[in-house]
Amino acid sequence: MDQQLNRPGPTPASEPVSRRGVLRAATVSAAAVGAAGLLGGTAVAAPAASTGQAQGRRRVPVDRISIQLYTLRDQLAADLPGTLDALRRIGYRRVEHAGFVGRTAAQFRAALDEAGLRSTSGHVGIPQPFDAATWEQALADANVVGCKKIVHPYFGRDANGQAIRDPNVYRALARNLNKAGRLAERAGLDFGYHNHQLEFVPLTDGSTGFEILTGQTDPRLVHFELDLYWTWRGAHDPVDVFRANRGRIRQVHVKDLDVEGGFADLGDGVIDFGRIFAHEREAGIEEYIVERDDAGTAPRSPADALDTARVGFDYLASLRY
């Protein structure tokens, strides 16, 4: 089954966050982000962007740079082989899929092989309510494609589209993530969870969904793919998240934040990725995945997503920290 259509579209820039969290994030800021829509005019702060110039001796290993194909969803739908070939020519060797673009797992793998790419990771939502047989089929497809990791991509809204506030809902999700992780382990895959900002919204008991998910999932079965943009939008400093979850942040979505709180190509926004990546060993990062949620969405054209891919790869390859 093609999972790409099951993923929500780009999320608007105004989502509920706590004032306490916003102010806490501001204490590590070098540049304020005027995201007035985040909390009734309250600005979220993020560190000043790195220029990508030589600032240290460490660098992102080029063979660990990937791209989330959701970034190129429209371009892939129009020309799968041409788009994959363009990614290979940019320099990518690995990608993270968000579905198979209307192909079977075997057909999608063949297209990747032809382009000289590997899908080392993939976004596939766990069945809810959880169904072992359905999930095992998704794991089988992941193995056909050649994935090493499989990641649950989205959670946090109720049936009315509102942010989930009931901690019991997150506790139930944590139990299902453990089930999914156990089956993934048996299939030879690492299982992860990808966040948005919703996991950082305060729940009715004062905790957050992210705290429940990290506290009640088995570290041997569930790792986290931290989306750096959405973590900032949730008024949390990724470095603090790394420190609280040492060794569990094995993947990061590298996505920049503009001064209005929207998306930006890497290096054009305000996030200091060098500062964050300086803590990569503490986090346990194994993959650095370029993404931009609105890269092909009007007023941008689908072809603009390839520019985002090129800028992202070049930025990460040249970054020193």
Protein backbone atom coordinates (compact mmCIF):
# COMPACT_ATOMS: atom_id res chain seq x y z
CA MET A 1 0.00 0.00 0.00
CA ASP A 2 1.29 3.46 -0.88
CA GLN A 3 1.63 5.36 2.40
CA GLN A 4 2.46 8.77 0.92
CA LEU A 5 -1.16 9.86 0.70
CA ASN A 6 -1.68 9.03 4.37
CA ARG A 7 0.70 11.73 5.51
CA PRO A 8 -0.78 15.16 6.30
CA GLY A 9 0.14 18.13 4.16
CA PRO A 10 2.26 21.07 5.29
CA THR A 11 1.08 22.27 8.70
CA PRO A 12 0.19 25.95 9.05
CA ALA A 13 2.66 28.12 10.93
CA SER A 14 0.29 28.90 13.80
CA GLU A 15 -0.07 26.09 16.32
CA PRO A 16 -0.65 26.18 20.08
CA VAL A 17 2.44 26.19 22.27
CA SER A 18 2.96 27.08 25.90
CA ARG A 19 4.19 30.52 26.92
CA ARG A 20 6.48 28.90 29.49
CA GLY A 21 8.07 26.78 26.76
CA VAL A 22 8.45 29.75 24.45
CA LEU A 23 10.22 31.77 27.09
CA ARG A 24 12.47 28.86 28.03
CA ALA A 25 13.52 28.41 24.42
CA ALA A 26 14.26 32.12 24.23
CA THR A 27 16.99 31.84 26.82
CA VAL A 28 19.21 29.96 24.35
CA SER A 29 18.48 32.34 21.51
CA ALA A 30 20.91 34.39 19.53
CA ALA A 31 18.21 35.76 17.24
CA ALA A 32 14.49 36.19 17.86
CA VAL A 33 12.10 34.72 15.35
CA GLY A 34 9.06 36.90 14.82
CA ALA A 35 6.56 34.08 14.60
CA ALA A 36 3.62 36.15 15.76
CA GLY A 37 1.09 33.45 14.98
CA LEU A 38 2.59 30.92 17.36
CA LEU A 39 1.08 32.19 20.58
CA GLY A 40 -1.00 35.30 20.11
CA GLY A 41 1.99 37.41 19.12
CA THR A 42 4.60 35.75 21.34
CA ALA A 43 7.81 35.23 19.40
CA VAL A 44 9.65 31.95 19.38
CA ALA A 45 13.40 32.28 19.59
CA ALA A 46 15.96 30.15 17.83
CA PRO A 47 19.73 30.37 17.61
CA ALA A 48 21.20 32.42 14.79
CA ALA A 49 21.78 30.46 11.61
CA SER A 50 25.19 29.04 10.85
CA THR A 51 26.75 30.36 7.67
CA GLY A 52 28.23 27.00 6.73
CA GLN A 53 31.73 28.53 6.77
CA ALA A 54 34.59 26.74 8.52
CA GLN A 55 33.94 27.09 12.25
CA GLY A 56 35.33 23.82 13.54
CA ARG A 57 36.93 20.55 12.57
CA ARG A 58 33.80 18.37 12.62
CA ARG A 59 31.49 17.85 9.68
CA VAL A 60 28.42 15.87 8.68
CA PRO A 61 29.59 12.65 6.97
CA VAL A 62 28.44 12.92 3.36
CA ASP A 63 27.41 9.27 3.29
CA ARG A 64 24.96 9.93 6.15
CA ILE A 65 23.14 12.78 4.39
CA SER A 66 19.67 11.74 3.25
CA ILE A 67 16.49 13.46 2.07
CA GLN A 68 12.88 12.81 3.00
CA LEU A 69 11.13 12.20 -0.32
CA TYR A 70 7.97 13.88 0.97
CA THR A 71 9.90 17.05 0.10
CA LEU A 72 9.66 16.06 -3.59
CA ARG A 73 6.25 14.37 -3.57
CA ASP A 74 4.79 16.29 -6.54
CA GLN A 75 7.97 16.06 -8.59
CA LEU A 76 8.21 12.31 -7.90
CA ALA A 77 4.60 11.82 -8.99
CA ALA A 78 5.34 13.61 -12.27
CA ASP A 79 8.68 11.92 -13.02
CA LEU A 80 9.91 9.26 -10.61
CA PRO A 81 13.02 8.09 -12.49
CA GLY A 82 14.07 11.60 -13.51
CA THR A 83 13.69 12.97 -9.98
CA LEU A 84 15.62 10.11 -8.40
CA ASP A 85 18.36 10.54 -10.99
CA ALA A 86 18.53 14.26 -10.20
CA LEU A 87 18.97 13.49 -6.49
CA ARG A 88 21.84 11.15 -7.29
CA ARG A 89 23.51 13.82 -9.43
CA ILE A 90 23.17 16.34 -6.59
CA GLY A 91 25.17 13.94 -4.43
CA TYR A 92 22.63 11.99 -2.41
CA ARG A 93 23.30 8.30 -1.91
CA ARG A 94 20.42 7.58 0.44
CA VAL A 95 16.81 8.70 0.79
CA GLU A 96 13.92 8.28 3.21
CA HIS A 97 10.71 7.30 1.46
CA ALA A 98 7.18 8.50 2.29
CA GLY A 99 5.37 5.85 0.27
CA PHE A 100 6.04 4.24 -3.07
CA VAL A 101 4.51 6.83 -5.44
CA GLY A 102 1.88 4.44 -6.75
CA ARG A 103 4.36 1.59 -7.27
CA THR A 104 4.75 -1.68 -5.47
CA ALA A 105 7.64 -2.03 -3.05
CA ALA A 106 9.53 -4.08 -5.66
CA GLN A 107 8.92 -1.51 -8.41
CA PHE A 108 10.00 1.32 -6.16
CA ARG A 109 13.17 -0.58 -5.19
CA ALA A 110 13.94 -1.12 -8.88
CA ALA A 111 13.63 2.64 -9.54
CA LEU A 112 16.00 3.36 -6.65
CA ASP A 113 18.50 0.79 -7.89
CA GLU A 114 18.41 2.27 -11.38
CA ALA A 115 19.21 5.71 -9.95
CA GLY A 116 21.96 4.40 -7.68
CA LEU A 117 20.09 5.30 -4.48
CA ARG A 118 19.23 3.42 -1.28
CA SER A 119 16.12 4.00 0.80
CA THR A 120 17.72 3.42 4.17
CA SER A 121 14.62 4.65 6.02
CA GLY A 122 10.92 4.98 5.37
CA HIS A 123 7.87 6.68 6.88
CA VAL A 124 5.03 4.25 7.48
CA GLY A 125 2.29 4.84 10.04
CA ILE A 126 1.52 2.01 12.44
CA PRO A 127 -2.06 0.71 12.18
CA GLN A 128 -4.42 2.35 14.65
CA PRO A 129 -5.98 0.43 16.26
CA PHE A 130 -2.86 -1.70 16.14
CA ASP A 131 -3.02 -4.73 13.88
CA ALA A 132 -0.01 -7.04 13.83
CA ALA A 133 -0.71 -8.59 10.42
CA THR A 134 -1.02 -5.21 8.69
CA TRP A 135 2.17 -3.98 10.32
CA GLU A 136 4.06 -7.14 9.40
CA GLN A 137 3.15 -6.54 5.75
CA ALA A 138 4.53 -2.99 6.02
CA LEU A 139 7.72 -4.42 7.50
CA ALA A 140 7.98 -6.93 4.66
CA ASP A 141 7.65 -4.09 2.14
CA ALA A 142 10.34 -2.12 3.98
CA ASN A 143 12.70 -5.05 3.63
CA VAL A 144 11.94 -5.35 -0.08
CA VAL A 145 12.82 -1.68 -0.52
CA GLY A 146 16.02 -2.20 1.47
CA CYS A 147 15.27 -0.04 4.51
CA LYS A 148 17.23 -0.35 7.72
CA LYS A 149 14.84 1.88 9.65
CA ILE A 150 11.08 2.37 9.59
CA VAL A 151 9.52 5.43 11.24
CA HIS A 152 6.02 6.34 12.39
CA PRO A 153 5.55 9.83 10.87
CA TYR A 154 2.66 11.66 12.55
CA PHE A 155 0.47 11.86 15.64
CA GLY A 156 -1.09 14.47 17.89
CA ARG A 157 -4.56 15.52 16.65
CA ASP A 158 -7.94 14.24 17.74
CA ALA A 159 -10.92 13.45 15.49
CA ASN A 160 -11.82 17.17 15.44
CA GLY A 161 -8.35 18.23 14.36
CA GLN A 162 -7.45 19.64 17.77
CA ALA A 163 -4.24 18.96 19.66
CA ILE A 164 -4.58 15.87 21.85
CA ARG A 165 -4.55 16.82 25.54
CA ASP A 166 -5.42 13.49 27.15
CA PRO A 167 -2.28 11.77 28.51
CA ASN A 168 -4.01 8.39 28.29
CA VAL A 169 -4.07 8.68 24.50
CA TYR A 170 -0.30 9.08 24.46
CA ARG A 171 0.13 6.22 26.92
CA ALA A 172 -1.88 3.98 24.60
CA LEU A 173 0.25 5.12 21.66
CA ALA A 174 3.42 4.29 23.62
CA ARG A 175 2.17 0.74 24.15
CA ASN A 176 1.46 0.39 20.44
CA LEU A 177 4.88 1.79 19.56
CA ASN A 178 6.47 -0.89 21.73
CA LYS A 179 4.44 -3.55 19.92
CA ALA A 180 5.44 -2.14 16.55
CA GLY A 181 9.08 -1.93 17.61
CA ARG A 182 9.15 -5.52 18.79
CA LEU A 183 7.82 -6.77 15.45
CA ALA A 184 10.24 -4.50 13.58
CA GLU A 185 13.14 -5.93 15.56
CA ARG A 186 12.08 -9.44 14.58
CA ALA A 187 12.02 -8.30 10.95
CA GLY A 188 15.56 -6.91 11.23
CA LEU A 189 14.51 -3.24 11.23
CA ASP A 190 15.01 -0.35 13.64
CA PHE A 191 11.75 1.37 14.52
CA GLY A 192 11.49 5.09 15.20
CA TYR A 193 9.01 7.87 15.93
CA HIS A 194 8.99 11.25 14.16
CA ASN A 195 7.69 14.28 16.05
CA HIS A 196 5.92 17.47 15.13
CA GLN A 197 5.17 20.33 17.53
CA LEU A 198 2.01 18.69 18.86
CA GLU A 199 3.92 16.30 21.09
CA PHE A 200 5.15 19.32 23.08
CA VAL A 201 1.70 20.76 23.81
CA PRO A 202 0.97 20.59 27.59
CA LEU A 203 -1.48 17.82 28.49
CA THR A 204 -4.15 17.94 31.15
CA ASP A 205 -1.82 16.44 33.77
CA GLY A 206 0.96 18.94 33.05
CA SER A 207 3.15 16.51 31.13
CA THR A 208 3.68 16.44 27.36
CA GLY A 209 3.14 13.71 24.82
CA PHE A 210 6.86 13.69 24.08
CA GLU A 211 7.67 13.05 27.74
CA ILE A 212 5.22 10.13 27.79
CA LEU A 213 6.52 8.64 24.56
CA THR A 214 10.17 8.85 25.59
CA GLY A 215 9.42 7.65 29.11
CA GLN A 216 7.09 4.77 28.31
CA THR A 217 8.65 3.27 25.17
CA ASP A 218 11.44 0.71 25.37
CA PRO A 219 14.76 2.26 24.27
CA ARG A 220 15.70 -1.12 22.78
CA LEU A 221 12.63 -1.06 20.54
CA VAL A 222 11.87 2.59 19.78
CA HIS A 223 14.25 5.40 18.81
CA PHE A 224 13.34 8.96 17.85
CA GLU A 225 13.71 10.85 14.61
CA LEU A 226 13.80 14.41 15.90
CA ASP A 227 12.45 17.02 13.53
CA LEU A 228 14.54 20.06 14.40
CA TYR A 229 12.10 22.57 12.90
CA TRP A 230 9.05 21.17 14.67
CA THR A 231 10.95 20.84 17.92
CA TRP A 232 11.69 24.57 17.84
CA ARG A 233 8.08 25.25 16.86
CA GLY A 234 7.15 23.29 19.96
CA ALA A 235 9.30 25.76 21.95
CA HIS A 236 11.98 23.20 22.82
CA ASP A 237 15.69 23.41 22.21
CA PRO A 238 16.85 20.25 20.37
CA VAL A 239 20.05 20.22 22.44
CA ASP A 240 17.96 19.88 25.61
CA VAL A 241 16.04 17.03 23.98
CA PHE A 242 19.33 15.32 23.09
CA ARG A 243 20.56 15.60 26.67
CA ALA A 244 17.34 14.18 28.09
CA ASN A 245 17.33 11.26 25.63
CA ARG A 246 20.97 10.28 25.19
CA GLY A 247 21.53 7.74 22.45
CA ARG A 248 17.88 7.64 21.36
CA ILE A 249 17.89 10.40 18.70
CA ARG A 250 19.28 8.30 15.87
CA GLN A 251 17.86 10.39 13.04
CA VAL A 252 17.19 14.10 12.60
CA HIS A 253 15.08 15.93 10.08
CA VAL A 254 17.14 18.96 9.12
CA LYS A 255 14.65 21.68 8.27
CA ASP A 256 15.11 25.43 8.62
CA LEU A 257 12.83 28.03 10.23
CA ASP A 258 12.30 31.47 8.69
CA VAL A 259 11.79 34.68 10.65
CA GLU A 260 8.00 34.37 10.37
CA GLY A 261 7.96 30.83 11.75
CA GLY A 262 7.54 29.18 8.35
CA PHE A 263 9.81 26.91 6.32
CA ALA A 264 13.11 27.88 4.72
CA ASP A 265 15.81 26.14 2.73
CA LEU A 266 18.80 25.14 4.84
CA GLY A 267 21.01 28.10 5.64
CA ASP A 268 18.34 30.65 4.72
CA GLY A 269 16.63 30.47 8.12
CA VAL A 270 17.59 31.11 11.73
CA ILE A 271 18.44 27.68 13.15
CA ASP A 272 22.08 27.18 14.13
CA PHE A 273 22.54 23.59 13.00
CA GLY A 274 26.23 23.59 13.83
CA ARG A 275 25.42 24.27 17.48
CA ILE A 276 22.94 21.40 17.47
CA PHE A 277 25.18 18.92 15.63
CA ALA A 278 28.00 19.60 18.07
CA HIS A 279 25.96 17.30 20.36
CA GLU A 280 25.47 14.57 17.74
CA ARG A 281 27.37 11.90 19.68
CA GLU A 282 25.37 12.59 22.80
CA ALA A 283 22.18 12.18 20.76
CA GLY A 284 23.34 9.11 18.82
CA ILE A 285 22.64 10.59 15.36
CA GLU A 286 23.13 8.19 12.47
CA GLU A 287 21.29 10.05 9.67
CA TYR A 288 20.88 13.71 8.74
CA ILE A 289 17.74 13.99 6.61
CA VAL A 290 16.97 17.11 4.58
CA GLU A 291 13.30 18.06 4.46
CA ARG A 292 11.04 20.98 3.64
CA ASP A 293 7.32 20.36 4.03
CA ASP A 294 6.17 22.99 1.52
CA ALA A 295 8.96 22.59 -1.04
CA GLY A 296 6.60 21.86 -3.94
CA THR A 297 3.43 23.54 -2.69
CA ALA A 298 2.02 26.69 -4.30
CA PRO A 299 3.23 29.37 -4.69
CA ARG A 300 6.38 27.24 -5.12
CA SER A 301 6.41 24.86 -8.09
CA PRO A 302 7.19 21.13 -7.85
CA ALA A 303 10.50 21.77 -9.58
CA ASP A 304 11.49 24.13 -6.74
CA ALA A 305 11.76 21.05 -4.53
CA LEU A 306 14.89 20.04 -6.43
CA ASP A 307 16.42 23.42 -5.59
CA THR A 308 15.61 22.73 -1.93
CA ALA A 309 17.28 19.32 -2.25
CA ARG A 310 20.41 20.82 -3.84
CA VAL A 311 20.72 23.66 -1.32
CA GLY A 312 20.18 21.22 1.56
CA PHE A 313 22.83 18.76 0.43
CA ASP A 314 25.40 21.48 -0.26
CA TYR A 315 24.70 23.13 3.09
CA LEU A 316 25.19 19.95 5.09
CA ALA A 317 28.24 18.87 3.09
CA SER A 318 29.93 22.23 3.69
CA LEU A 319 28.94 22.78 7.33
CA ARG A 320 31.76 22.80 9.89
CA TYR A 321 31.19 22.90 13.64
